[in-house]
């Protein structure tokens, strides 16, 4: 199944957060995803269902969220784009690091892959 990076910016943020949490903590729990993205747990649960339907994540009831192979590939691409944009904003344009982080998060969703 082919997935383009044309999913919603919210979906991309969730995939990136799940990847970051899994690498940092060894797993991504709904409560941790909610905390990282500053959203409610019910919002996370709803998005996880959407991501499961797209075969981008797996989750047993009440268990941690795992990226599928395709989900991991998409999350990695989103994160790489984010990091590249942030470095560009800081190193080339001289943008403050905190502002560059925020702006990179917005821009990563609208630039071509």
PDB file of N, CA and C in Angstrom:
ATOM      1  N   UNK A   1       0.846  -1.175   0.000  1.00  0.00           N
ATOM      2  CA  UNK A   1       0.000   0.000   0.000  1.00  0.00           C
ATOM      3  C   UNK A   1       0.889   1.234   0.000  1.00  0.00           C
ATOM      4  N   UNK A   2       0.593   2.181  -0.870  1.00  0.00           N
ATOM      5  CA  UNK A   2       1.393   3.394  -1.004  1.00  0.00           C
ATOM      6  C   UNK A   2       0.755   4.528  -0.215  1.00  0.00           C
ATOM      7  N   UNK A   3       1.569   5.192   0.592  1.00  0.00           N
ATOM      8  CA  UNK A   3       1.095   6.336   1.372  1.00  0.00           C
ATOM      9  C   UNK A   3       1.931   7.546   1.004  1.00  0.00           C
ATOM     10  N   UNK A   4       1.283   8.625   0.632  1.00  0.00           N
ATOM     11  CA  UNK A   4       1.996   9.864   0.354  1.00  0.00           C
ATOM     12  C   UNK A   4       2.053  10.683   1.635  1.00  0.00           C
ATOM     13  N   UNK A   5       2.955  11.630   1.660  1.00  0.00           N
ATOM     14  CA  UNK A   5       3.046  12.522   2.807  1.00  0.00           C
ATOM     15  C   UNK A   5       2.024  13.643   2.698  1.00  0.00           C
ATOM     16  N   UNK A   6       0.909  13.344   2.063  1.00  0.00           N
ATOM     17  CA  UNK A   6      -0.107  14.365   1.880  1.00  0.00           C
ATOM     18  C   UNK A   6      -1.171  14.289   2.959  1.00  0.00           C
ATOM     19  N   UNK A   7      -0.993  13.445   3.947  1.00  0.00           N
ATOM     20  CA  UNK A   7      -1.941  13.381   5.046  1.00  0.00           C
ATOM     21  C   UNK A   7      -1.976  14.710   5.771  1.00  0.00           C
ATOM     22  N   UNK A   8      -2.919  14.867   6.650  1.00  0.00           N
ATOM     23  CA  UNK A   8      -3.061  16.129   7.359  1.00  0.00           C
ATOM     24  C   UNK A   8      -1.802  16.453   8.156  1.00  0.00           C
ATOM     25  N   UNK A   9      -1.602  17.733   8.391  1.00  0.00           N
ATOM     26  CA  UNK A   9      -0.453  18.142   9.193  1.00  0.00           C
ATOM     27  C   UNK A   9      -0.568  17.558  10.597  1.00  0.00           C
ATOM     28  N   UNK A  10      -1.784  17.431  11.088  1.00  0.00           N
ATOM     29  CA  UNK A  10      -2.001  16.836  12.405  1.00  0.00           C
ATOM     30  C   UNK A  10      -1.548  15.377  12.420  1.00  0.00           C
ATOM     31  N   UNK A  11      -1.912  14.636  11.386  1.00  0.00           N
ATOM     32  CA  UNK A  11      -1.495  13.237  11.283  1.00  0.00           C
ATOM     33  C   UNK A  11       0.027  13.144  11.281  1.00  0.00           C
ATOM     34  N   UNK A  12       0.671  14.011  10.524  1.00  0.00           N
ATOM     35  CA  UNK A  12       2.127  14.002  10.466  1.00  0.00           C
ATOM     36  C   UNK A  12       2.735  14.325  11.827  1.00  0.00           C
ATOM     37  N   UNK A  13       2.136  15.275  12.552  1.00  0.00           N
ATOM     38  CA  UNK A  13       2.630  15.611  13.891  1.00  0.00           C
ATOM     39  C   UNK A  13       2.514  14.414  14.830  1.00  0.00           C
ATOM     40  N   UNK A  14       1.414  13.684  14.742  1.00  0.00           N
ATOM     41  CA  UNK A  14       1.237  12.500  15.582  1.00  0.00           C
ATOM     42  C   UNK A  14       2.283  11.442  15.259  1.00  0.00           C
ATOM     43  N   UNK A  15       2.501  11.179  13.980  1.00  0.00           N
ATOM     44  CA  UNK A  15       3.497  10.174  13.599  1.00  0.00           C
ATOM     45  C   UNK A  15       4.878  10.560  14.110  1.00  0.00           C
ATOM     46  N   UNK A  16       5.225  11.833  13.969  1.00  0.00           N
ATOM     47  CA  UNK A  16       6.526  12.312  14.432  1.00  0.00           C
ATOM     48  C   UNK A  16       6.636  12.188  15.953  1.00  0.00           C
ATOM     49  N   UNK A  17       5.581  12.528  16.672  1.00  0.00           N
ATOM     50  CA  UNK A  17       5.591  12.424  18.135  1.00  0.00           C
ATOM     51  C   UNK A  17       5.725  10.971  18.582  1.00  0.00           C
ATOM     52  N   UNK A  18       5.016  10.066  17.923  1.00  0.00           N
ATOM     53  CA  UNK A  18       5.101   8.639  18.268  1.00  0.00           C
ATOM     54  C   UNK A  18       6.519   8.138  18.047  1.00  0.00           C
ATOM     55  N   UNK A  19       7.130   8.509  16.937  1.00  0.00           N
ATOM     56  CA  UNK A  19       8.510   8.109  16.659  1.00  0.00           C
ATOM     57  C   UNK A  19       9.452   8.658  17.722  1.00  0.00           C
ATOM     58  N   UNK A  20       9.336   9.940  18.037  1.00  0.00           N
ATOM     59  CA  UNK A  20      10.206  10.556  19.045  1.00  0.00           C
ATOM     60  C   UNK A  20      10.065   9.870  20.402  1.00  0.00           C
ATOM     61  N   UNK A  21       8.833   9.635  20.832  1.00  0.00           N
ATOM     62  CA  UNK A  21       8.601   8.994  22.130  1.00  0.00           C
ATOM     63  C   UNK A  21       9.117   7.562  22.153  1.00  0.00           C
ATOM     64  N   UNK A  22       8.889   6.828  21.080  1.00  0.00           N
ATOM     65  CA  UNK A  22       9.350   5.439  21.019  1.00  0.00           C
ATOM     66  C   UNK A  22      10.869   5.374  21.099  1.00  0.00           C
ATOM     67  N   UNK A  23      11.542   6.299  20.441  1.00  0.00           N
ATOM     68  CA  UNK A  23      13.005   6.301  20.476  1.00  0.00           C
ATOM     69  C   UNK A  23      13.536   6.781  21.821  1.00  0.00           C
ATOM     70  N   UNK A  24      12.863   7.747  22.414  1.00  0.00           N
ATOM     71  CA  UNK A  24      13.321   8.311  23.690  1.00  0.00           C
ATOM     72  C   UNK A  24      12.990   7.407  24.880  1.00  0.00           C
ATOM     73  N   UNK A  25      11.753   6.931  24.943  1.00  0.00           N
ATOM     74  CA  UNK A  25      11.270   6.189  26.110  1.00  0.00           C
ATOM     75  C   UNK A  25      11.091   4.695  25.869  1.00  0.00           C
ATOM     76  N   UNK A  26      11.243   4.253  24.626  1.00  0.00           N
ATOM     77  CA  UNK A  26      11.049   2.847  24.311  1.00  0.00           C
ATOM     78  C   UNK A  26       9.620   2.502  23.948  1.00  0.00           C
ATOM     79  N   UNK A  27       8.693   3.431  24.206  1.00  0.00           N
ATOM     80  CA  UNK A  27       7.295   3.214  23.836  1.00  0.00           C
ATOM     81  C   UNK A  27       6.574   4.544  23.787  1.00  0.00           C
ATOM     82  N   UNK A  28       5.435   4.543  23.132  1.00  0.00           N
ATOM     83  CA  UNK A  28       4.615   5.755  23.021  1.00  0.00           C
ATOM     84  C   UNK A  28       3.235   5.454  23.593  1.00  0.00           C
ATOM     85  N   UNK A  29       2.952   6.012  24.761  1.00  0.00           N
ATOM     86  CA  UNK A  29       1.642   5.835  25.389  1.00  0.00           C
ATOM     87  C   UNK A  29       0.738   7.002  25.018  1.00  0.00           C
ATOM     88  N   UNK A  30      -0.556   6.752  25.038  1.00  0.00           N
ATOM     89  CA  UNK A  30      -1.533   7.785  24.701  1.00  0.00           C
ATOM     90  C   UNK A  30      -1.307   9.026  25.559  1.00  0.00           C
ATOM     91  N   UNK A  31      -1.097   8.852  26.851  1.00  0.00           N
ATOM     92  CA  UNK A  31      -0.907  10.002  27.740  1.00  0.00           C
ATOM     93  C   UNK A  31       0.343  10.795  27.377  1.00  0.00           C
ATOM     94  N   UNK A  32       1.404  10.106  26.977  1.00  0.00           N
ATOM     95  CA  UNK A  32       2.640  10.799  26.593  1.00  0.00           C
ATOM     96  C   UNK A  32       2.475  11.545  25.273  1.00  0.00           C
ATOM     97  N   UNK A  33       1.761  10.934  24.335  1.00  0.00           N
ATOM     98  CA  UNK A  33       1.492  11.598  23.055  1.00  0.00           C
ATOM     99  C   UNK A  33       0.671  12.863  23.311  1.00  0.00           C
ATOM    100  N   UNK A  34      -0.358  12.749  24.156  1.00  0.00           N
ATOM    101  CA  UNK A  34      -1.201  13.901  24.488  1.00  0.00           C
ATOM    102  C   UNK A  34      -0.370  15.016  25.106  1.00  0.00           C
ATOM    103  N   UNK A  35       0.511  14.655  26.016  1.00  0.00           N
ATOM    104  CA  UNK A  35       1.356  15.644  26.675  1.00  0.00           C
ATOM    105  C   UNK A  35       2.303  16.318  25.686  1.00  0.00           C
ATOM    106  N   UNK A  36       2.939  15.536  24.836  1.00  0.00           N
ATOM    107  CA  UNK A  36       3.901  16.091  23.881  1.00  0.00           C
ATOM    108  C   UNK A  36       3.236  17.029  22.881  1.00  0.00           C
ATOM    109  N   UNK A  37       2.031  16.682  22.446  1.00  0.00           N
ATOM    110  CA  UNK A  37       1.339  17.489  21.436  1.00  0.00           C
ATOM    111  C   UNK A  37       0.386  18.517  22.045  1.00  0.00           C
ATOM    112  N   UNK A  38       0.272  18.496  23.377  1.00  0.00           N
ATOM    113  CA  UNK A  38      -0.611  19.419  24.090  1.00  0.00           C
ATOM    114  C   UNK A  38      -2.061  19.301  23.606  1.00  0.00           C
ATOM    115  N   UNK A  39      -2.528  18.052  23.549  1.00  0.00           N
ATOM    116  CA  UNK A  39      -3.908  17.753  23.165  1.00  0.00           C
ATOM    117  C   UNK A  39      -4.507  16.812  24.211  1.00  0.00           C
ATOM    118  N   UNK A  40      -5.809  16.591  24.134  1.00  0.00           N
ATOM    119  CA  UNK A  40      -6.471  15.710  25.097  1.00  0.00           C
ATOM    120  C   UNK A  40      -6.250  14.236  24.740  1.00  0.00           C
ATOM    121  N   UNK A  41      -6.370  13.379  25.747  1.00  0.00           N
ATOM    122  CA  UNK A  41      -6.254  11.936  25.507  1.00  0.00           C
ATOM    123  C   UNK A  41      -7.330  11.432  24.539  1.00  0.00           C
ATOM    124  N   UNK A  42      -8.586  11.905  24.648  1.00  0.00           N
ATOM    125  CA  UNK A  42      -9.582  11.470  23.661  1.00  0.00           C
ATOM    126  C   UNK A  42      -9.205  11.864  22.226  1.00  0.00           C
ATOM    127  N   UNK A  43      -8.571  13.020  22.063  1.00  0.00           N
ATOM    128  CA  UNK A  43      -8.113  13.419  20.723  1.00  0.00           C
ATOM    129  C   UNK A  43      -7.059  12.458  20.208  1.00  0.00           C
ATOM    130  N   UNK A  44      -6.150  12.049  21.096  1.00  0.00           N
ATOM    131  CA  UNK A  44      -5.111  11.091  20.706  1.00  0.00           C
ATOM    132  C   UNK A  44      -5.755   9.772  20.320  1.00  0.00           C
ATOM    133  N   UNK A  45      -6.683   9.300  21.130  1.00  0.00           N
ATOM    134  CA  UNK A  45      -7.349   8.026  20.856  1.00  0.00           C
ATOM    135  C   UNK A  45      -8.043   8.058  19.497  1.00  0.00           C
ATOM    136  N   UNK A  46      -8.691   9.159  19.188  1.00  0.00           N
ATOM    137  CA  UNK A  46      -9.374   9.291  17.896  1.00  0.00           C
ATOM    138  C   UNK A  46      -8.366   9.266  16.743  1.00  0.00           C
ATOM    139  N   UNK A  47      -7.263   9.996  16.885  1.00  0.00           N
ATOM    140  CA  UNK A  47      -6.257  10.012  15.821  1.00  0.00           C
ATOM    141  C   UNK A  47      -5.606   8.644  15.678  1.00  0.00           C
ATOM    142  N   UNK A  48      -5.369   7.950  16.790  1.00  0.00           N
ATOM    143  CA  UNK A  48      -4.767   6.611  16.722  1.00  0.00           C
ATOM    144  C   UNK A  48      -5.676   5.685  15.922  1.00  0.00           C
ATOM    145  N   UNK A  49      -6.973   5.793  16.111  1.00  0.00           N
ATOM    146  CA  UNK A  49      -7.914   4.984  15.323  1.00  0.00           C
ATOM    147  C   UNK A  49      -7.786   5.309  13.838  1.00  0.00           C
ATOM    148  N   UNK A  50      -7.677   6.587  13.513  1.00  0.00           N
ATOM    149  CA  UNK A  50      -7.492   6.984  12.110  1.00  0.00           C
ATOM    150  C   UNK A  50      -6.193   6.416  11.552  1.00  0.00           C
ATOM    151  N   UNK A  51      -5.130   6.502  12.331  1.00  0.00           N
ATOM    152  CA  UNK A  51      -3.831   5.994  11.883  1.00  0.00           C
ATOM    153  C   UNK A  51      -3.844   4.470  11.757  1.00  0.00           C
ATOM    154  N   UNK A  52      -4.582   3.797  12.647  1.00  0.00           N
ATOM    155  CA  UNK A  52      -4.718   2.336  12.532  1.00  0.00           C
ATOM    156  C   UNK A  52      -5.459   1.979  11.249  1.00  0.00           C
ATOM    157  N   UNK A  53      -6.504   2.723  10.932  1.00  0.00           N
ATOM    158  CA  UNK A  53      -7.261   2.466   9.706  1.00  0.00           C
ATOM    159  C   UNK A  53      -6.412   2.660   8.458  1.00  0.00           C
ATOM    160  N   UNK A  54      -5.416   3.524   8.539  1.00  0.00           N
ATOM    161  CA  UNK A  54      -4.500   3.754   7.413  1.00  0.00           C
ATOM    162  C   UNK A  54      -3.281   2.827   7.478  1.00  0.00           C
ATOM    163  N   UNK A  55      -3.296   1.923   8.463  1.00  0.00           N
ATOM    164  CA  UNK A  55      -2.211   0.949   8.664  1.00  0.00           C
ATOM    165  C   UNK A  55      -0.861   1.619   8.905  1.00  0.00           C
ATOM    166  N   UNK A  56      -0.886   2.723   9.655  1.00  0.00           N
ATOM    167  CA  UNK A  56       0.342   3.434   9.989  1.00  0.00           C
ATOM    168  C   UNK A  56       0.803   3.162  11.413  1.00  0.00           C
ATOM    169  N   UNK A  57      -0.121   2.711  12.276  1.00  0.00           N
ATOM    170  CA  UNK A  57       0.222   2.340  13.651  1.00  0.00           C
ATOM    171  C   UNK A  57      -0.513   1.067  14.039  1.00  0.00           C
ATOM    172  N   UNK A  58       0.002   0.443  15.102  1.00  0.00           N
ATOM    173  CA  UNK A  58      -0.644  -0.724  15.718  1.00  0.00           C
ATOM    174  C   UNK A  58      -0.805  -0.409  17.198  1.00  0.00           C
ATOM    175  N   UNK A  59      -1.861  -0.939  17.796  1.00  0.00           N
ATOM    176  CA  UNK A  59      -2.055  -0.771  19.232  1.00  0.00           C
ATOM    177  C   UNK A  59      -3.018  -1.827  19.738  1.00  0.00           C
ATOM    178  N   UNK A  60      -2.598  -2.518  20.767  1.00  0.00           N
ATOM    179  CA  UNK A  60      -3.503  -3.408  21.485  1.00  0.00           C
ATOM    180  C   UNK A  60      -4.332  -2.533  22.421  1.00  0.00           C
ATOM    181  N   UNK A  61      -5.535  -2.968  22.797  1.00  0.00           N
ATOM    182  CA  UNK A  61      -6.354  -2.153  23.698  1.00  0.00           C
ATOM    183  C   UNK A  61      -5.574  -1.730  24.945  1.00  0.00           C
ATOM    184  N   UNK A  62      -5.562  -0.434  25.207  1.00  0.00           N
ATOM    185  CA  UNK A  62      -4.902   0.192  26.358  1.00  0.00           C
ATOM    186  C   UNK A  62      -3.382   0.044  26.356  1.00  0.00           C
ATOM    187  N   UNK A  63      -2.832  -0.434  25.266  1.00  0.00           N
ATOM    188  CA  UNK A  63      -1.387  -0.615  25.184  1.00  0.00           C
ATOM    189  C   UNK A  63      -0.704   0.565  24.518  1.00  0.00           C
ATOM    190  N   UNK A  64       0.630   0.499  24.455  1.00  0.00           N
ATOM    191  CA  UNK A  64       1.368   1.560  23.769  1.00  0.00           C
ATOM    192  C   UNK A  64       1.113   1.521  22.266  1.00  0.00           C
ATOM    193  N   UNK A  65       1.426   2.608  21.613  1.00  0.00           N
ATOM    194  CA  UNK A  65       1.231   2.742  20.171  1.00  0.00           C
ATOM    195  C   UNK A  65       2.551   2.436  19.479  1.00  0.00           C
ATOM    196  N   UNK A  66       2.503   1.564  18.480  1.00  0.00           N
ATOM    197  CA  UNK A  66       3.687   1.212  17.697  1.00  0.00           C
ATOM    198  C   UNK A  66       3.469   1.633  16.255  1.00  0.00           C
ATOM    199  N   UNK A  67       4.515   2.164  15.641  1.00  0.00           N
ATOM    200  CA  UNK A  67       4.455   2.490  14.220  1.00  0.00           C
ATOM    201  C   UNK A  67       4.608   1.223  13.396  1.00  0.00           C
ATOM    202  N   UNK A  68       3.853   1.117  12.317  1.00  0.00           N
ATOM    203  CA  UNK A  68       4.088   0.045  11.351  1.00  0.00           C
ATOM    204  C   UNK A  68       5.326   0.437  10.546  1.00  0.00           C
ATOM    205  N   UNK A  69       5.788  -0.446   9.692  1.00  0.00           N
ATOM    206  CA  UNK A  69       6.939  -0.118   8.847  1.00  0.00           C
ATOM    207  C   UNK A  69       6.651   1.124   8.014  1.00  0.00           C
ATOM    208  N   UNK A  70       5.474   1.170   7.418  1.00  0.00           N
ATOM    209  CA  UNK A  70       5.091   2.333   6.612  1.00  0.00           C
ATOM    210  C   UNK A  70       4.976   3.581   7.476  1.00  0.00           C
ATOM    211  N   UNK A  71       4.383   3.442   8.652  1.00  0.00           N
ATOM    212  CA  UNK A  71       4.259   4.572   9.572  1.00  0.00           C
ATOM    213  C   UNK A  71       5.612   5.111   9.995  1.00  0.00           C
ATOM    214  N   UNK A  72       6.554   4.208  10.249  1.00  0.00           N
ATOM    215  CA  UNK A  72       7.907   4.619  10.642  1.00  0.00           C
ATOM    216  C   UNK A  72       8.586   5.362   9.491  1.00  0.00           C
ATOM    217  N   UNK A  73       8.418   4.865   8.274  1.00  0.00           N
ATOM    218  CA  UNK A  73       9.016   5.536   7.111  1.00  0.00           C
ATOM    219  C   UNK A  73       8.465   6.950   6.956  1.00  0.00           C
ATOM    220  N   UNK A  74       7.155   7.094   7.072  1.00  0.00           N
ATOM    221  CA  UNK A  74       6.544   8.418   6.952  1.00  0.00           C
ATOM    222  C   UNK A  74       6.994   9.338   8.078  1.00  0.00           C
ATOM    223  N   UNK A  75       7.002   8.827   9.308  1.00  0.00           N
ATOM    224  CA  UNK A  75       7.418   9.635  10.458  1.00  0.00           C
ATOM    225  C   UNK A  75       8.864  10.087  10.313  1.00  0.00           C
ATOM    226  N   UNK A  76       9.713   9.207   9.823  1.00  0.00           N
ATOM    227  CA  UNK A  76      11.122   9.543   9.628  1.00  0.00           C
ATOM    228  C   UNK A  76      11.275  10.641   8.583  1.00  0.00           C
ATOM    229  N   UNK A  77      10.508  10.567   7.507  1.00  0.00           N
ATOM    230  CA  UNK A  77      10.567  11.606   6.470  1.00  0.00           C
ATOM    231  C   UNK A  77      10.104  12.952   7.011  1.00  0.00           C
ATOM    232  N   UNK A  78       9.034  12.941   7.791  1.00  0.00           N
ATOM    233  CA  UNK A  78       8.528  14.183   8.376  1.00  0.00           C
ATOM    234  C   UNK A  78       9.579  14.776   9.309  1.00  0.00           C
ATOM    235  N   UNK A  79      10.164  13.944  10.150  1.00  0.00           N
ATOM    236  CA  UNK A  79      11.170  14.435  11.098  1.00  0.00           C
ATOM    237  C   UNK A  79      12.399  14.967  10.372  1.00  0.00           C
ATOM    238  N   UNK A  80      12.842  14.276   9.326  1.00  0.00           N
ATOM    239  CA  UNK A  80      14.000  14.748   8.564  1.00  0.00           C
ATOM    240  C   UNK A  80      13.715  16.111   7.943  1.00  0.00           C
ATOM    241  N   UNK A  81      12.531  16.265   7.383  1.00  0.00           N
ATOM    242  CA  UNK A  81      12.153  17.544   6.792  1.00  0.00           C
ATOM    243  C   UNK A  81      12.136  18.634   7.860  1.00  0.00           C
ATOM    244  N   UNK A  82      11.579  18.319   9.025  1.00  0.00           N
ATOM    245  CA  UNK A  82      11.509  19.269  10.137  1.00  0.00           C
ATOM    246  C   UNK A  82      12.911  19.716  10.547  1.00  0.00           C
ATOM    247  N   UNK A  83      13.796  18.760  10.738  1.00  0.00           N
ATOM    248  CA  UNK A  83      15.158  19.086  11.177  1.00  0.00           C
ATOM    249  C   UNK A  83      15.907  19.900  10.129  1.00  0.00           C
ATOM    250  N   UNK A  84      15.742  19.549   8.868  1.00  0.00           N
ATOM    251  CA  UNK A  84      16.399  20.285   7.792  1.00  0.00           C
ATOM    252  C   UNK A  84      15.904  21.733   7.746  1.00  0.00           C
ATOM    253  N   UNK A  85      14.599  21.915   7.832  1.00  0.00           N
ATOM    254  CA  UNK A  85      14.039  23.262   7.820  1.00  0.00           C
ATOM    255  C   UNK A  85      14.507  24.074   9.021  1.00  0.00           C
ATOM    256  N   UNK A  86      14.544  23.449  10.183  1.00  0.00           N
ATOM    257  CA  UNK A  86      14.997  24.158  11.385  1.00  0.00           C
ATOM    258  C   UNK A  86      16.446  24.606  11.223  1.00  0.00           C
ATOM    259  N   UNK A  87      17.307  23.706  10.736  1.00  0.00           N
ATOM    260  CA  UNK A  87      18.715  24.080  10.523  1.00  0.00           C
ATOM    261  C   UNK A  87      18.826  25.218   9.514  1.00  0.00           C
ATOM    262  N   UNK A  88      18.046  25.163   8.442  1.00  0.00           N
ATOM    263  CA  UNK A  88      18.056  26.225   7.439  1.00  0.00           C
ATOM    264  C   UNK A  88      17.653  27.560   8.065  1.00  0.00           C
ATOM    265  N   UNK A  89      16.580  27.549   8.829  1.00  0.00           N
ATOM    266  CA  UNK A  89      16.103  28.786   9.447  1.00  0.00           C
ATOM    267  C   UNK A  89      17.144  29.384  10.386  1.00  0.00           C
ATOM    268  N   UNK A  90      17.812  28.537  11.151  1.00  0.00           N
ATOM    269  CA  UNK A  90      18.817  29.013  12.105  1.00  0.00           C
ATOM    270  C   UNK A  90      20.106  29.422  11.397  1.00  0.00           C
ATOM    271  N   UNK A  91      20.654  28.506  10.595  1.00  0.00           N
ATOM    272  CA  UNK A  91      21.988  28.711  10.025  1.00  0.00           C
ATOM    273  C   UNK A  91      22.024  29.651   8.832  1.00  0.00           C
ATOM    274  N   UNK A  92      20.992  29.645   8.021  1.00  0.00           N
ATOM    275  CA  UNK A  92      21.001  30.475   6.813  1.00  0.00           C
ATOM    276  C   UNK A  92      20.281  31.805   7.047  1.00  0.00           C
ATOM    277  N   UNK A  93      19.140  31.750   7.704  1.00  0.00           N
ATOM    278  CA  UNK A  93      18.351  32.965   7.887  1.00  0.00           C
ATOM    279  C   UNK A  93      18.580  33.647   9.232  1.00  0.00           C
ATOM    280  N   UNK A  94      19.282  32.970  10.154  1.00  0.00           N
ATOM    281  CA  UNK A  94      19.590  33.569  11.449  1.00  0.00           C
ATOM    282  C   UNK A  94      18.410  33.683  12.393  1.00  0.00           C
ATOM    283  N   UNK A  95      17.434  32.815  12.236  1.00  0.00           N
ATOM    284  CA  UNK A  95      16.245  32.826  13.093  1.00  0.00           C
ATOM    285  C   UNK A  95      16.598  32.228  14.455  1.00  0.00           C
ATOM    286  N   UNK A  96      16.034  32.787  15.519  1.00  0.00           N
ATOM    287  CA  UNK A  96      16.214  32.262  16.869  1.00  0.00           C
ATOM    288  C   UNK A  96      15.757  30.801  16.929  1.00  0.00           C
ATOM    289  N   UNK A  97      16.431  29.998  17.731  1.00  0.00           N
ATOM    290  CA  UNK A  97      16.176  28.553  17.797  1.00  0.00           C
ATOM    291  C   UNK A  97      14.722  28.211  18.134  1.00  0.00           C
ATOM    292  N   UNK A  98      14.147  28.887  19.129  1.00  0.00           N
ATOM    293  CA  UNK A  98      12.763  28.584  19.521  1.00  0.00           C
ATOM    294  C   UNK A  98      11.779  28.941  18.411  1.00  0.00           C
ATOM    295  N   UNK A  99      12.017  30.062  17.772  1.00  0.00           N
ATOM    296  CA  UNK A  99      11.148  30.473  16.669  1.00  0.00           C
ATOM    297  C   UNK A  99      11.334  29.528  15.485  1.00  0.00           C
ATOM    298  N   UNK A 100      12.580  29.134  15.235  1.00  0.00           N
ATOM    299  CA  UNK A 100      12.865  28.204  14.136  1.00  0.00           C
ATOM    300  C   UNK A 100      12.161  26.872  14.361  1.00  0.00           C
ATOM    301  N   UNK A 101      12.119  26.401  15.599  1.00  0.00           N
ATOM    302  CA  UNK A 101      11.429  25.148  15.922  1.00  0.00           C
ATOM    303  C   UNK A 101       9.953  25.258  15.567  1.00  0.00           C
ATOM    304  N   UNK A 102       9.331  26.332  16.004  1.00  0.00           N
ATOM    305  CA  UNK A 102       7.903  26.545  15.737  1.00  0.00           C
ATOM    306  C   UNK A 102       7.634  26.683  14.242  1.00  0.00           C
ATOM    307  N   UNK A 103       8.446  27.505  13.583  1.00  0.00           N
ATOM    308  CA  UNK A 103       8.241  27.737  12.155  1.00  0.00           C
ATOM    309  C   UNK A 103       8.494  26.476  11.328  1.00  0.00           C
ATOM    310  N   UNK A 104       9.519  25.715  11.687  1.00  0.00           N
ATOM    311  CA  UNK A 104       9.810  24.471  10.962  1.00  0.00           C
ATOM    312  C   UNK A 104       8.631  23.512  11.061  1.00  0.00           C
ATOM    313  N   UNK A 105       7.995  23.480  12.218  1.00  0.00           N
ATOM    314  CA  UNK A 105       6.837  22.597  12.410  1.00  0.00           C
ATOM    315  C   UNK A 105       5.687  23.003  11.488  1.00  0.00           C
ATOM    316  N   UNK A 106       5.536  24.293  11.267  1.00  0.00           N
ATOM    317  CA  UNK A 106       4.467  24.747  10.367  1.00  0.00           C
ATOM    318  C   UNK A 106       4.840  24.521   8.903  1.00  0.00           C
ATOM    319  N   UNK A 107       6.081  24.824   8.555  1.00  0.00           N
ATOM    320  CA  UNK A 107       6.516  24.757   7.161  1.00  0.00           C
ATOM    321  C   UNK A 107       6.637  23.318   6.668  1.00  0.00           C
ATOM    322  N   UNK A 108       7.038  22.391   7.546  1.00  0.00           N
ATOM    323  CA  UNK A 108       7.297  21.010   7.114  1.00  0.00           C
ATOM    324  C   UNK A 108       6.094  20.371   6.437  1.00  0.00           C
ATOM    325  N   UNK A 109       4.923  20.867   6.724  1.00  0.00           N
ATOM    326  CA  UNK A 109       3.702  20.264   6.184  1.00  0.00           C
ATOM    327  C   UNK A 109       3.305  20.810   4.817  1.00  0.00           C
ATOM    328  N   UNK A 110       3.924  21.903   4.403  1.00  0.00           N
ATOM    329  CA  UNK A 110       3.497  22.531   3.155  1.00  0.00           C
ATOM    330  C   UNK A 110       4.553  22.517   2.055  1.00  0.00           C
ATOM    331  N   UNK A 111       5.766  22.079   2.371  1.00  0.00           N
ATOM    332  CA  UNK A 111       6.792  21.993   1.330  1.00  0.00           C
ATOM    333  C   UNK A 111       6.710  20.640   0.642  1.00  0.00           C
ATOM    334  N   UNK A 112       7.135  20.602  -0.597  1.00  0.00           N
ATOM    335  CA  UNK A 112       7.126  19.346  -1.350  1.00  0.00           C
ATOM    336  C   UNK A 112       8.154  18.389  -0.777  1.00  0.00           C
ATOM    337  N   UNK A 113       7.866  17.074  -0.837  1.00  0.00           N
ATOM    338  CA  UNK A 113       8.828  16.091  -0.323  1.00  0.00           C
ATOM    339  C   UNK A 113      10.119  16.083  -1.114  1.00  0.00           C
TER     340      UNK A 113
END
